[in-house]
């Protein structure tokens, strides 16, 4: 399965150790406020942030450390997690 890169515009503030930490990002014209940074980890020349947006969805944002390029690498709707199995 081929992955599709989705460029996003991200507004940041200095976080842990001065690292740029996402506060809000834009999917087209729609702004998503970051409610929580759940995890962060380094990659080769980039960093990843797993965040929960104000829409209760989960996102993984990839930041190129050599510039200011950001990509959305994962989206998971909270609605999938709200579905509870039913017993017969």
C-alpha atoms as a PDB file:
ATOM      1  CA  UNK A   1       0.000   0.000   0.000  1.00  0.00           C
ATOM      2  CA  UNK A   2       1.469   3.362  -1.031  1.00  0.00           C
ATOM      3  CA  UNK A   3       1.541   6.148   1.519  1.00  0.00           C
ATOM      4  CA  UNK A   4       0.283   9.567   0.609  1.00  0.00           C
ATOM      5  CA  UNK A   5       1.970  12.613   2.067  1.00  0.00           C
ATOM      6  CA  UNK A   6      -0.309  15.465   3.067  1.00  0.00           C
ATOM      7  CA  UNK A   7       1.412  18.798   3.639  1.00  0.00           C
ATOM      8  CA  UNK A   8      -0.025  20.791   6.543  1.00  0.00           C
ATOM      9  CA  UNK A   9       0.665  24.230   7.931  1.00  0.00           C
ATOM     10  CA  UNK A  10       1.526  24.075  11.629  1.00  0.00           C
ATOM     11  CA  UNK A  11       1.711  26.806  14.272  1.00  0.00           C
ATOM     12  CA  UNK A  12       4.158  25.964  17.050  1.00  0.00           C
ATOM     13  CA  UNK A  13       5.515  27.190  20.339  1.00  0.00           C
ATOM     14  CA  UNK A  14       8.782  26.213  22.034  1.00  0.00           C
ATOM     15  CA  UNK A  15       8.303  23.016  23.976  1.00  0.00           C
ATOM     16  CA  UNK A  16      10.570  20.628  25.840  1.00  0.00           C
ATOM     17  CA  UNK A  17      14.215  21.609  25.308  1.00  0.00           C
ATOM     18  CA  UNK A  18      13.209  24.435  22.966  1.00  0.00           C
ATOM     19  CA  UNK A  19      11.853  21.965  20.407  1.00  0.00           C
ATOM     20  CA  UNK A  20       9.070  23.341  18.216  1.00  0.00           C
ATOM     21  CA  UNK A  21       5.822  21.795  19.489  1.00  0.00           C
ATOM     22  CA  UNK A  22       2.594  21.919  17.461  1.00  0.00           C
ATOM     23  CA  UNK A  23      -0.216  24.033  18.921  1.00  0.00           C
ATOM     24  CA  UNK A  24      -2.521  24.240  15.892  1.00  0.00           C
ATOM     25  CA  UNK A  25      -2.437  22.940  12.335  1.00  0.00           C
ATOM     26  CA  UNK A  26      -4.460  23.481   9.206  1.00  0.00           C
ATOM     27  CA  UNK A  27      -6.009  20.894   6.916  1.00  0.00           C
ATOM     28  CA  UNK A  28      -6.879  23.120   3.997  1.00  0.00           C
ATOM     29  CA  UNK A  29      -8.937  25.944   5.506  1.00  0.00           C
ATOM     30  CA  UNK A  30      -9.897  23.934   8.614  1.00  0.00           C
ATOM     31  CA  UNK A  31      -7.921  24.676  11.769  1.00  0.00           C
ATOM     32  CA  UNK A  32      -7.346  21.907  14.305  1.00  0.00           C
ATOM     33  CA  UNK A  33      -6.292  23.014  17.795  1.00  0.00           C
ATOM     34  CA  UNK A  34      -3.897  20.588  19.505  1.00  0.00           C
ATOM     35  CA  UNK A  35      -5.453  19.616  22.848  1.00  0.00           C
ATOM     36  CA  UNK A  36      -2.700  17.209  23.858  1.00  0.00           C
ATOM     37  CA  UNK A  37       0.713  16.055  22.648  1.00  0.00           C
ATOM     38  CA  UNK A  38       0.501  12.361  23.445  1.00  0.00           C
ATOM     39  CA  UNK A  39       3.952  11.313  22.266  1.00  0.00           C
ATOM     40  CA  UNK A  40       6.970  12.554  20.348  1.00  0.00           C
ATOM     41  CA  UNK A  41       9.941  10.730  18.907  1.00  0.00           C
ATOM     42  CA  UNK A  42      12.921  11.476  16.659  1.00  0.00           C
ATOM     43  CA  UNK A  43      13.560  10.134  13.193  1.00  0.00           C
ATOM     44  CA  UNK A  44      16.465  10.490  10.781  1.00  0.00           C
ATOM     45  CA  UNK A  45      16.312  14.206   9.931  1.00  0.00           C
ATOM     46  CA  UNK A  46      12.780  14.657  11.214  1.00  0.00           C
ATOM     47  CA  UNK A  47      10.624  14.384  14.310  1.00  0.00           C
ATOM     48  CA  UNK A  48       7.167  12.938  14.907  1.00  0.00           C
ATOM     49  CA  UNK A  49       4.365  14.180  17.153  1.00  0.00           C
ATOM     50  CA  UNK A  50       1.283  12.153  18.060  1.00  0.00           C
ATOM     51  CA  UNK A  51      -1.409  14.657  19.019  1.00  0.00           C
ATOM     52  CA  UNK A  52      -5.097  14.743  19.915  1.00  0.00           C
ATOM     53  CA  UNK A  53      -7.018  17.535  18.227  1.00  0.00           C
ATOM     54  CA  UNK A  54      -9.972  19.514  19.506  1.00  0.00           C
ATOM     55  CA  UNK A  55     -12.109  17.284  17.250  1.00  0.00           C
ATOM     56  CA  UNK A  56     -11.069  14.310  19.476  1.00  0.00           C
ATOM     57  CA  UNK A  57      -9.230  12.691  16.537  1.00  0.00           C
ATOM     58  CA  UNK A  58      -5.639  11.497  16.722  1.00  0.00           C
ATOM     59  CA  UNK A  59      -2.972  12.697  14.306  1.00  0.00           C
ATOM     60  CA  UNK A  60       0.698  11.990  13.694  1.00  0.00           C
ATOM     61  CA  UNK A  61       2.557  14.998  12.361  1.00  0.00           C
ATOM     62  CA  UNK A  62       6.033  14.695  10.822  1.00  0.00           C
ATOM     63  CA  UNK A  63       8.406  17.677  10.960  1.00  0.00           C
ATOM     64  CA  UNK A  64      11.490  18.018   8.758  1.00  0.00           C
ATOM     65  CA  UNK A  65      14.130  19.375  11.129  1.00  0.00           C
ATOM     66  CA  UNK A  66      16.164  20.945   8.310  1.00  0.00           C
ATOM     67  CA  UNK A  67      13.300  23.294   7.406  1.00  0.00           C
ATOM     68  CA  UNK A  68       9.764  24.139   8.306  1.00  0.00           C
ATOM     69  CA  UNK A  69       8.027  21.375   6.353  1.00  0.00           C
ATOM     70  CA  UNK A  70       5.262  19.428   8.089  1.00  0.00           C
ATOM     71  CA  UNK A  71       3.252  16.426   6.898  1.00  0.00           C
ATOM     72  CA  UNK A  72       0.245  14.563   8.212  1.00  0.00           C
ATOM     73  CA  UNK A  73       1.200  10.878   8.340  1.00  0.00           C
ATOM     74  CA  UNK A  74      -1.762   9.434  10.266  1.00  0.00           C
ATOM     75  CA  UNK A  75      -5.346  10.357  11.080  1.00  0.00           C
ATOM     76  CA  UNK A  76      -7.603   8.308  13.355  1.00  0.00           C
ATOM     77  CA  UNK A  77     -11.121   9.430  14.108  1.00  0.00           C
ATOM     78  CA  UNK A  78     -12.187   9.148  17.735  1.00  0.00           C
ATOM     79  CA  UNK A  79     -15.552   7.879  16.507  1.00  0.00           C
ATOM     80  CA  UNK A  80     -13.910   4.542  15.683  1.00  0.00           C
ATOM     81  CA  UNK A  81     -12.837   4.267  19.324  1.00  0.00           C
ATOM     82  CA  UNK A  82     -16.334   5.167  20.590  1.00  0.00           C
ATOM     83  CA  UNK A  83     -17.902   2.098  18.975  1.00  0.00           C
ATOM     84  CA  UNK A  84     -18.434  -0.549  21.615  1.00  0.00           C
ATOM     85  CA  UNK A  85     -18.893  -4.207  20.725  1.00  0.00           C
ATOM     86  CA  UNK A  86     -22.341  -5.520  21.453  1.00  0.00           C
ATOM     87  CA  UNK A  87     -23.037  -8.946  22.882  1.00  0.00           C
ATOM     88  CA  UNK A  88     -25.582 -11.308  21.423  1.00  0.00           C
END
